[in-house]
Amino acid sequence: MLNFDPNQVVIYALVFVLGLLIGGFLFTGGGRKWKGRYNAEVDRRKELESRHVAAEKDWREQESLRNAAAKDRPVVVDRDPVIDRDNDGVDDRREV
């Protein structure tokens, strides 16, 4: 089946240990990097949420002002519909 020479076993063991060492050196400090990125993302999300809350307050205020202005406007019931066949924004009956 599998017949290994003792030299092959030693070489495989050394390659395994070398891989562990290289991997350890390559990935050291990785924990601090992902934590920094995570904290930066959390700070960014909090900033965006606070901006959204402020903007939503302004949106609600504008909406209430718009609704108040719409209530104050008189309603015209007996008005002829605008006839504008050439789509220039002027009623065709007023054009000469």
PDB file of N, CA and C in Angstrom:
ATOM      1  N   MET A   1       0.830  -1.184   0.000  1.00  0.00           N
ATOM      2  CA  MET A   1       0.000   0.000   0.000  1.00  0.00           C
ATOM      3  C   MET A   1       0.875   1.249   0.000  1.00  0.00           C
ATOM      4  N   LEU A   2       0.895   1.958   1.092  1.00  0.00           N
ATOM      5  CA  LEU A   2       1.716   3.163   1.155  1.00  0.00           C
ATOM      6  C   LEU A   2       3.003   2.840   1.913  1.00  0.00           C
ATOM      7  N   ASN A   3       4.061   2.812   1.225  1.00  0.00           N
ATOM      8  CA  ASN A   3       5.357   2.560   1.852  1.00  0.00           C
ATOM      9  C   ASN A   3       6.164   3.852   1.822  1.00  0.00           C
ATOM     10  N   PHE A   4       6.376   4.421   2.993  1.00  0.00           N
ATOM     11  CA  PHE A   4       7.135   5.663   3.099  1.00  0.00           C
ATOM     12  C   PHE A   4       8.522   5.354   3.614  1.00  0.00           C
ATOM     13  N   ASP A   5       9.454   5.994   3.017  1.00  0.00           N
ATOM     14  CA  ASP A   5      10.833   5.942   3.484  1.00  0.00           C
ATOM     15  C   ASP A   5      10.933   6.885   4.693  1.00  0.00           C
ATOM     16  N   PRO A   6      11.716   6.613   5.693  1.00  0.00           N
ATOM     17  CA  PRO A   6      11.832   7.521   6.840  1.00  0.00           C
ATOM     18  C   PRO A   6      12.280   8.926   6.423  1.00  0.00           C
ATOM     19  N   ASN A   7      13.039   9.055   5.359  1.00  0.00           N
ATOM     20  CA  ASN A   7      13.432  10.390   4.890  1.00  0.00           C
ATOM     21  C   ASN A   7      12.214  11.167   4.372  1.00  0.00           C
ATOM     22  N   GLN A   8      11.297  10.467   3.710  1.00  0.00           N
ATOM     23  CA  GLN A   8      10.085  11.128   3.215  1.00  0.00           C
ATOM     24  C   GLN A   8       9.216  11.611   4.375  1.00  0.00           C
ATOM     25  N   VAL A   9       9.121  10.835   5.415  1.00  0.00           N
ATOM     26  CA  VAL A   9       8.315  11.217   6.577  1.00  0.00           C
ATOM     27  C   VAL A   9       8.892  12.476   7.203  1.00  0.00           C
ATOM     28  N   VAL A  10      10.202  12.546   7.328  1.00  0.00           N
ATOM     29  CA  VAL A  10      10.854  13.717   7.911  1.00  0.00           C
ATOM     30  C   VAL A  10      10.633  14.938   7.014  1.00  0.00           C
ATOM     31  N   ILE A  11      10.761  14.752   5.712  1.00  0.00           N
ATOM     32  CA  ILE A  11      10.552  15.876   4.785  1.00  0.00           C
ATOM     33  C   ILE A  11       9.110  16.376   4.866  1.00  0.00           C
ATOM     34  N   TYR A  12       8.144  15.462   4.886  1.00  0.00           N
ATOM     35  CA  TYR A  12       6.739  15.866   5.004  1.00  0.00           C
ATOM     36  C   TYR A  12       6.484  16.588   6.322  1.00  0.00           C
ATOM     37  N   ALA A  13       7.062  16.142   7.395  1.00  0.00           N
ATOM     38  CA  ALA A  13       6.901  16.787   8.698  1.00  0.00           C
ATOM     39  C   ALA A  13       7.508  18.188   8.670  1.00  0.00           C
ATOM     40  N   LEU A  14       8.690  18.337   8.074  1.00  0.00           N
ATOM     41  CA  LEU A  14       9.318  19.663   7.990  1.00  0.00           C
ATOM     42  C   LEU A  14       8.509  20.619   7.109  1.00  0.00           C
ATOM     43  N   VAL A  15       7.968  20.123   6.012  1.00  0.00           N
ATOM     44  CA  VAL A  15       7.131  20.967   5.153  1.00  0.00           C
ATOM     45  C   VAL A  15       5.868  21.403   5.898  1.00  0.00           C
ATOM     46  N   PHE A  16       5.290  20.499   6.689  1.00  0.00           N
ATOM     47  CA  PHE A  16       4.099  20.836   7.478  1.00  0.00           C
ATOM     48  C   PHE A  16       4.418  21.918   8.506  1.00  0.00           C
ATOM     49  N   VAL A  17       5.519  21.761   9.225  1.00  0.00           N
ATOM     50  CA  VAL A  17       5.912  22.750  10.233  1.00  0.00           C
ATOM     51  C   VAL A  17       6.241  24.077   9.563  1.00  0.00           C
ATOM     52  N   LEU A  18       6.918  24.040   8.420  1.00  0.00           N
ATOM     53  CA  LEU A  18       7.233  25.259   7.690  1.00  0.00           C
ATOM     54  C   LEU A  18       5.946  25.973   7.251  1.00  0.00           C
ATOM     55  N   GLY A  19       4.955  25.220   6.803  1.00  0.00           N
ATOM     56  CA  GLY A  19       3.660  25.804   6.425  1.00  0.00           C
ATOM     57  C   GLY A  19       2.968  26.456   7.605  1.00  0.00           C
ATOM     58  N   LEU A  20       3.046  25.807   8.776  1.00  0.00           N
ATOM     59  CA  LEU A  20       2.454  26.407   9.978  1.00  0.00           C
ATOM     60  C   LEU A  20       3.152  27.713  10.334  1.00  0.00           C
ATOM     61  N   LEU A  21       4.468  27.724  10.253  1.00  0.00           N
ATOM     62  CA  LEU A  21       5.213  28.940  10.588  1.00  0.00           C
ATOM     63  C   LEU A  21       4.925  30.073   9.610  1.00  0.00           C
ATOM     64  N   ILE A  22       4.944  29.772   8.332  1.00  0.00           N
ATOM     65  CA  ILE A  22       4.659  30.814   7.330  1.00  0.00           C
ATOM     66  C   ILE A  22       3.230  31.331   7.497  1.00  0.00           C
ATOM     67  N   GLY A  23       2.285  30.438   7.709  1.00  0.00           N
ATOM     68  CA  GLY A  23       0.897  30.853   7.925  1.00  0.00           C
ATOM     69  C   GLY A  23       0.752  31.704   9.168  1.00  0.00           C
ATOM     70  N   GLY A  24       1.458  31.330  10.227  1.00  0.00           N
ATOM     71  CA  GLY A  24       1.405  32.119  11.457  1.00  0.00           C
ATOM     72  C   GLY A  24       1.948  33.514  11.264  1.00  0.00           C
ATOM     73  N   PHE A  25       3.056  33.636  10.509  1.00  0.00           N
ATOM     74  CA  PHE A  25       3.625  34.952  10.276  1.00  0.00           C
ATOM     75  C   PHE A  25       2.757  35.804   9.348  1.00  0.00           C
ATOM     76  N   LEU A  26       2.119  35.171   8.389  1.00  0.00           N
ATOM     77  CA  LEU A  26       1.294  35.925   7.451  1.00  0.00           C
ATOM     78  C   LEU A  26       0.020  36.469   8.096  1.00  0.00           C
ATOM     79  N   PHE A  27      -0.546  35.736   9.012  1.00  0.00           N
ATOM     80  CA  PHE A  27      -1.841  36.120   9.571  1.00  0.00           C
ATOM     81  C   PHE A  27      -1.754  36.728  10.954  1.00  0.00           C
ATOM     82  N   THR A  28      -0.580  37.079  11.440  1.00  0.00           N
ATOM     83  CA  THR A  28      -0.492  37.729  12.746  1.00  0.00           C
ATOM     84  C   THR A  28      -1.035  39.141  12.638  1.00  0.00           C
ATOM     85  N   GLY A  29      -1.737  39.576  13.643  1.00  0.00           N
ATOM     86  CA  GLY A  29      -2.306  40.918  13.639  1.00  0.00           C
ATOM     87  C   GLY A  29      -3.590  41.018  12.861  1.00  0.00           C
ATOM     88  N   GLY A  30      -4.067  39.940  12.328  1.00  0.00           N
ATOM     89  CA  GLY A  30      -5.303  39.981  11.557  1.00  0.00           C
ATOM     90  C   GLY A  30      -6.509  40.288  12.420  1.00  0.00           C
ATOM     91  N   GLY A  31      -6.443  39.931  13.685  1.00  0.00           N
ATOM     92  CA  GLY A  31      -7.560  40.200  14.590  1.00  0.00           C
ATOM     93  C   GLY A  31      -7.776  41.680  14.795  1.00  0.00           C
ATOM     94  N   ARG A  32      -6.694  42.415  14.860  1.00  0.00           N
ATOM     95  CA  ARG A  32      -6.828  43.859  15.046  1.00  0.00           C
ATOM     96  C   ARG A  32      -7.363  44.523  13.783  1.00  0.00           C
ATOM     97  N   LYS A  33      -7.020  43.988  12.637  1.00  0.00           N
ATOM     98  CA  LYS A  33      -7.468  44.599  11.391  1.00  0.00           C
ATOM     99  C   LYS A  33      -8.978  44.489  11.223  1.00  0.00           C
ATOM    100  N   TRP A  34      -9.545  43.298  11.456  1.00  0.00           N
ATOM    101  CA  TRP A  34     -10.983  43.159  11.252  1.00  0.00           C
ATOM    102  C   TRP A  34     -11.752  43.915  12.307  1.00  0.00           C
ATOM    103  N   LYS A  35     -11.193  44.021  13.525  1.00  0.00           N
ATOM    104  CA  LYS A  35     -11.879  44.804  14.556  1.00  0.00           C
ATOM    105  C   LYS A  35     -11.915  46.277  14.186  1.00  0.00           C
ATOM    106  N   GLY A  36     -10.820  46.771  13.633  1.00  0.00           N
ATOM    107  CA  GLY A  36     -10.787  48.173  13.208  1.00  0.00           C
ATOM    108  C   GLY A  36     -11.782  48.449  12.099  1.00  0.00           C
ATOM    109  N   ARG A  37     -11.853  47.544  11.122  1.00  0.00           N
ATOM    110  CA  ARG A  37     -12.828  47.715  10.032  1.00  0.00           C
ATOM    111  C   ARG A  37     -14.258  47.634  10.565  1.00  0.00           C
ATOM    112  N   TYR A  38     -14.488  46.713  11.510  1.00  0.00           N
ATOM    113  CA  TYR A  38     -15.825  46.570  12.074  1.00  0.00           C
ATOM    114  C   TYR A  38     -16.217  47.837  12.833  1.00  0.00           C
ATOM    115  N   ASN A  39     -15.307  48.352  13.662  1.00  0.00           N
ATOM    116  CA  ASN A  39     -15.614  49.565  14.427  1.00  0.00           C
ATOM    117  C   ASN A  39     -15.816  50.762  13.510  1.00  0.00           C
ATOM    118  N   ALA A  40     -15.044  50.842  12.424  1.00  0.00           N
ATOM    119  CA  ALA A  40     -15.240  51.928  11.464  1.00  0.00           C
ATOM    120  C   ALA A  40     -16.614  51.826  10.811  1.00  0.00           C
ATOM    121  N   GLU A  41     -17.037  50.608  10.489  1.00  0.00           N
ATOM    122  CA  GLU A  41     -18.363  50.416   9.889  1.00  0.00           C
ATOM    123  C   GLU A  41     -19.476  50.760  10.871  1.00  0.00           C
ATOM    124  N   VAL A  42     -19.294  50.416  12.141  1.00  0.00           N
ATOM    125  CA  VAL A  42     -20.295  50.750  13.162  1.00  0.00           C
ATOM    126  C   VAL A  42     -20.396  52.267  13.316  1.00  0.00           C
ATOM    127  N   ASP A  43     -19.253  52.951  13.363  1.00  0.00           N
ATOM    128  CA  ASP A  43     -19.262  54.411  13.471  1.00  0.00           C
ATOM    129  C   ASP A  43     -19.933  55.044  12.259  1.00  0.00           C
ATOM    130  N   ARG A  44     -19.640  54.511  11.073  1.00  0.00           N
ATOM    131  CA  ARG A  44     -20.249  55.041   9.849  1.00  0.00           C
ATOM    132  C   ARG A  44     -21.761  54.843   9.861  1.00  0.00           C
ATOM    133  N   ARG A  45     -22.200  53.675  10.316  1.00  0.00           N
ATOM    134  CA  ARG A  45     -23.642  53.401  10.374  1.00  0.00           C
ATOM    135  C   ARG A  45     -24.328  54.334  11.373  1.00  0.00           C
ATOM    136  N   LYS A  46     -23.697  54.579  12.521  1.00  0.00           N
ATOM    137  CA  LYS A  46     -24.289  55.491  13.509  1.00  0.00           C
ATOM    138  C   LYS A  46     -24.388  56.909  12.961  1.00  0.00           C
ATOM    139  N   GLU A  47     -23.353  57.332  12.227  1.00  0.00           N
ATOM    140  CA  GLU A  47     -23.382  58.664  11.634  1.00  0.00           C
ATOM    141  C   GLU A  47     -24.494  58.776  10.596  1.00  0.00           C
ATOM    142  N   LEU A  48     -24.639  57.743   9.760  1.00  0.00           N
ATOM    143  CA  LEU A  48     -25.705  57.763   8.758  1.00  0.00           C
ATOM    144  C   LEU A  48     -27.082  57.761   9.406  1.00  0.00           C
ATOM    145  N   GLU A  49     -27.244  56.992  10.481  1.00  0.00           N
ATOM    146  CA  GLU A  49     -28.534  56.964  11.167  1.00  0.00           C
ATOM    147  C   GLU A  49     -28.849  58.312  11.801  1.00  0.00           C
ATOM    148  N   SER A  50     -27.844  58.980  12.374  1.00  0.00           N
ATOM    149  CA  SER A  50     -28.103  60.290  12.984  1.00  0.00           C
ATOM    150  C   SER A  50     -28.446  61.321  11.905  1.00  0.00           C
ATOM    151  N   ARG A  51     -27.766  61.233  10.752  1.00  0.00           N
ATOM    152  CA  ARG A  51     -28.115  62.132   9.649  1.00  0.00           C
ATOM    153  C   ARG A  51     -29.534  61.874   9.160  1.00  0.00           C
ATOM    154  N   HIS A  52     -29.904  60.592   9.096  1.00  0.00           N
ATOM    155  CA  HIS A  52     -31.252  60.253   8.634  1.00  0.00           C
ATOM    156  C   HIS A  52     -32.309  60.769   9.611  1.00  0.00           C
ATOM    157  N   VAL A  53     -32.030  60.674  10.919  1.00  0.00           N
ATOM    158  CA  VAL A  53     -32.984  61.177  11.910  1.00  0.00           C
ATOM    159  C   VAL A  53     -33.165  62.682  11.752  1.00  0.00           C
ATOM    160  N   ALA A  54     -32.054  63.407  11.548  1.00  0.00           N
ATOM    161  CA  ALA A  54     -32.153  64.856  11.359  1.00  0.00           C
ATOM    162  C   ALA A  54     -32.898  65.188  10.070  1.00  0.00           C
ATOM    163  N   ALA A  55     -32.595  64.457   9.000  1.00  0.00           N
ATOM    164  CA  ALA A  55     -33.279  64.707   7.729  1.00  0.00           C
ATOM    165  C   ALA A  55     -34.761  64.361   7.828  1.00  0.00           C
ATOM    166  N   GLU A  56     -35.065  63.285   8.547  1.00  0.00           N
ATOM    167  CA  GLU A  56     -36.472  62.901   8.703  1.00  0.00           C
ATOM    168  C   GLU A  56     -37.241  63.968   9.471  1.00  0.00           C
ATOM    169  N   LYS A  57     -36.607  64.607  10.448  1.00  0.00           N
ATOM    170  CA  LYS A  57     -37.241  65.695  11.181  1.00  0.00           C
ATOM    171  C   LYS A  57     -37.558  66.849  10.233  1.00  0.00           C
ATOM    172  N   ASP A  58     -36.599  67.185   9.356  1.00  0.00           N
ATOM    173  CA  ASP A  58     -36.842  68.243   8.371  1.00  0.00           C
ATOM    174  C   ASP A  58     -37.943  67.850   7.398  1.00  0.00           C
ATOM    175  N   TRP A  59     -37.951  66.584   6.966  1.00  0.00           N
ATOM    176  CA  TRP A  59     -38.993  66.127   6.040  1.00  0.00           C
ATOM    177  C   TRP A  59     -40.374  66.243   6.667  1.00  0.00           C
ATOM    178  N   ARG A  60     -40.466  65.849   7.929  1.00  0.00           N
ATOM    179  CA  ARG A  60     -41.774  65.938   8.608  1.00  0.00           C
ATOM    180  C   ARG A  60     -42.221  67.395   8.755  1.00  0.00           C
ATOM    181  N   GLU A  61     -41.279  68.284   9.061  1.00  0.00           N
ATOM    182  CA  GLU A  61     -41.625  69.697   9.197  1.00  0.00           C
ATOM    183  C   GLU A  61     -42.085  70.266   7.859  1.00  0.00           C
ATOM    184  N   GLN A  62     -41.373  69.933   6.782  1.00  0.00           N
ATOM    185  CA  GLN A  62     -41.771  70.417   5.457  1.00  0.00           C
ATOM    186  C   GLN A  62     -43.138  69.866   5.062  1.00  0.00           C
ATOM    187  N   GLU A  63     -43.373  68.601   5.390  1.00  0.00           N
ATOM    188  CA  GLU A  63     -44.669  68.001   5.063  1.00  0.00           C
ATOM    189  C   GLU A  63     -45.804  68.685   5.819  1.00  0.00           C
ATOM    190  N   SER A  64     -45.574  69.009   7.091  1.00  0.00           N
ATOM    191  CA  SER A  64     -46.623  69.689   7.850  1.00  0.00           C
ATOM    192  C   SER A  64     -46.862  71.091   7.310  1.00  0.00           C
ATOM    193  N   LEU A  65     -45.785  71.788   6.919  1.00  0.00           N
ATOM    194  CA  LEU A  65     -45.963  73.115   6.325  1.00  0.00           C
ATOM    195  C   LEU A  65     -46.694  73.023   4.992  1.00  0.00           C
ATOM    196  N   ARG A  66     -46.375  72.013   4.205  1.00  0.00           N
ATOM    197  CA  ARG A  66     -47.046  71.822   2.920  1.00  0.00           C
ATOM    198  C   ARG A  66     -48.533  71.536   3.121  1.00  0.00           C
ATOM    199  N   ASN A  67     -48.842  70.700   4.117  1.00  0.00           N
ATOM    200  CA  ASN A  67     -50.253  70.395   4.387  1.00  0.00           C
ATOM    201  C   ASN A  67     -50.995  71.621   4.901  1.00  0.00           C
ATOM    202  N   ALA A  68     -50.333  72.427   5.744  1.00  0.00           N
ATOM    203  CA  ALA A  68     -50.968  73.643   6.248  1.00  0.00           C
ATOM    204  C   ALA A  68     -51.221  74.626   5.110  1.00  0.00           C
ATOM    205  N   ALA A  69     -50.278  74.738   4.187  1.00  0.00           N
ATOM    206  CA  ALA A  69     -50.468  75.642   3.051  1.00  0.00           C
ATOM    207  C   ALA A  69     -51.582  75.141   2.142  1.00  0.00           C
ATOM    208  N   ALA A  70     -51.698  73.841   2.003  1.00  0.00           N
ATOM    209  CA  ALA A  70     -52.762  73.286   1.158  1.00  0.00           C
ATOM    210  C   ALA A  70     -54.129  73.522   1.784  1.00  0.00           C
ATOM    211  N   LYS A  71     -54.218  73.536   3.110  1.00  0.00           N
ATOM    212  CA  LYS A  71     -55.502  73.792   3.771  1.00  0.00           C
ATOM    213  C   LYS A  71     -55.921  75.244   3.619  1.00  0.00           C
ATOM    214  N   ASP A  72     -54.948  76.172   3.574  1.00  0.00           N
ATOM    215  CA  ASP A  72     -55.271  77.591   3.478  1.00  0.00           C
ATOM    216  C   ASP A  72     -55.674  78.006   2.070  1.00  0.00           C
ATOM    217  N   ARG A  73     -55.342  77.218   1.072  1.00  0.00           N
ATOM    218  CA  ARG A  73     -55.625  77.564  -0.313  1.00  0.00           C
ATOM    219  C   ARG A  73     -57.118  77.369  -0.594  1.00  0.00           C
ATOM    220  N   PRO A  74     -57.785  78.369  -1.196  1.00  0.00           N
ATOM    221  CA  PRO A  74     -59.209  78.195  -1.515  1.00  0.00           C
ATOM    222  C   PRO A  74     -59.392  77.178  -2.640  1.00  0.00           C
ATOM    223  N   VAL A  75     -60.497  76.483  -2.578  1.00  0.00           N
ATOM    224  CA  VAL A  75     -60.800  75.474  -3.576  1.00  0.00           C
ATOM    225  C   VAL A  75     -61.696  76.100  -4.639  1.00  0.00           C
ATOM    226  N   VAL A  76     -61.297  76.025  -5.899  1.00  0.00           N
ATOM    227  CA  VAL A  76     -62.069  76.563  -7.012  1.00  0.00           C
ATOM    228  C   VAL A  76     -62.820  75.400  -7.635  1.00  0.00           C
ATOM    229  N   VAL A  77     -64.167  75.515  -7.628  1.00  0.00           N
ATOM    230  CA  VAL A  77     -64.983  74.415  -8.104  1.00  0.00           C
ATOM    231  C   VAL A  77     -65.419  74.636  -9.544  1.00  0.00           C
ATOM    232  N   ASP A  78     -65.919  75.813  -9.852  1.00  0.00           N
ATOM    233  CA  ASP A  78     -66.465  76.082 -11.180  1.00  0.00           C
ATOM    234  C   ASP A  78     -65.364  76.659 -12.066  1.00  0.00           C
ATOM    235  N   ARG A  79     -64.511  75.824 -12.559  1.00  0.00           N
ATOM    236  CA  ARG A  79     -63.426  76.301 -13.417  1.00  0.00           C
ATOM    237  C   ARG A  79     -63.431  75.457 -14.677  1.00  0.00           C
ATOM    238  N   ASP A  80     -63.251  76.138 -15.786  1.00  0.00           N
ATOM    239  CA  ASP A  80     -63.212  75.427 -17.056  1.00  0.00           C
ATOM    240  C   ASP A  80     -61.902  74.659 -17.170  1.00  0.00           C
ATOM    241  N   PRO A  81     -61.931  73.494 -17.775  1.00  0.00           N
ATOM    242  CA  PRO A  81     -60.674  72.765 -17.972  1.00  0.00           C
ATOM    243  C   PRO A  81     -59.786  73.478 -18.990  1.00  0.00           C
ATOM    244  N   VAL A  82     -58.518  73.353 -18.815  1.00  0.00           N
ATOM    245  CA  VAL A  82     -57.560  73.992 -19.723  1.00  0.00           C
ATOM    246  C   VAL A  82     -57.463  73.143 -20.984  1.00  0.00           C
ATOM    247  N   ILE A  83     -57.568  73.836 -22.109  1.00  0.00           N
ATOM    248  CA  ILE A  83     -57.426  73.157 -23.393  1.00  0.00           C
ATOM    249  C   ILE A  83     -56.087  73.587 -23.973  1.00  0.00           C
ATOM    250  N   ASP A  84     -55.177  72.643 -24.057  1.00  0.00           N
ATOM    251  CA  ASP A  84     -53.833  72.950 -24.544  1.00  0.00           C
ATOM    252  C   ASP A  84     -53.407  71.836 -25.486  1.00  0.00           C
ATOM    253  N   ARG A  85     -53.768  71.996 -26.770  1.00  0.00           N
ATOM    254  CA  ARG A  85     -53.493  70.943 -27.742  1.00  0.00           C
ATOM    255  C   ARG A  85     -52.042  70.936 -28.209  1.00  0.00           C
ATOM    256  N   ASP A  86     -51.390  72.114 -28.193  1.00  0.00           N
ATOM    257  CA  ASP A  86     -50.014  72.178 -28.686  1.00  0.00           C
ATOM    258  C   ASP A  86     -48.974  72.062 -27.566  1.00  0.00           C
ATOM    259  N   ASN A  87     -49.409  71.829 -26.346  1.00  0.00           N
ATOM    260  CA  ASN A  87     -48.532  71.601 -25.189  1.00  0.00           C
ATOM    261  C   ASN A  87     -47.496  72.703 -24.984  1.00  0.00           C
ATOM    262  N   ASP A  88     -47.941  73.975 -25.122  1.00  0.00           N
ATOM    263  CA  ASP A  88     -47.016  75.062 -24.865  1.00  0.00           C
ATOM    264  C   ASP A  88     -47.245  75.693 -23.495  1.00  0.00           C
ATOM    265  N   GLY A  89     -48.199  75.186 -22.731  1.00  0.00           N
ATOM    266  CA  GLY A  89     -48.456  75.685 -21.388  1.00  0.00           C
ATOM    267  C   GLY A  89     -49.444  76.830 -21.341  1.00  0.00           C
ATOM    268  N   VAL A  90     -49.977  77.263 -22.477  1.00  0.00           N
ATOM    269  CA  VAL A  90     -50.924  78.366 -22.542  1.00  0.00           C
ATOM    270  C   VAL A  90     -52.241  77.809 -23.065  1.00  0.00           C
ATOM    271  N   ASP A  91     -53.338  78.237 -22.417  1.00  0.00           N
ATOM    272  CA  ASP A  91     -54.658  77.783 -22.829  1.00  0.00           C
ATOM    273  C   ASP A  91     -54.912  78.243 -24.266  1.00  0.00           C
ATOM    274  N   ASP A  92     -55.392  77.331 -25.098  1.00  0.00           N
ATOM    275  CA  ASP A  92     -55.601  77.630 -26.507  1.00  0.00           C
ATOM    276  C   ASP A  92     -56.664  78.704 -26.719  1.00  0.00           C
ATOM    277  N   ARG A  93     -57.589  78.865 -25.788  1.00  0.00           N
ATOM    278  CA  ARG A  93     -58.634  79.880 -25.929  1.00  0.00           C
ATOM    279  C   ARG A  93     -58.069  81.276 -25.706  1.00  0.00           C
ATOM    280  N   ARG A  94     -56.911  81.391 -25.015  1.00  0.00           N
ATOM    281  CA  ARG A  94     -56.313  82.694 -24.763  1.00  0.00           C
ATOM    282  C   ARG A  94     -55.311  83.065 -25.857  1.00  0.00           C
ATOM    283  N   GLU A  95     -54.861  82.095 -26.620  1.00  0.00           N
ATOM    284  CA  GLU A  95     -53.917  82.393 -27.705  1.00  0.00           C
ATOM    285  C   GLU A  95     -54.655  83.076 -28.841  1.00  0.00           C
ATOM    286  N   VAL A  96     -54.003  83.998 -29.469  1.00  0.00           N
ATOM    287  CA  VAL A  96     -54.625  84.711 -30.601  1.00  0.00           C
ATOM    288  C   VAL A  96     -53.830  84.478 -31.849  1.00  0.00           C
TER     289      VAL A  96
END
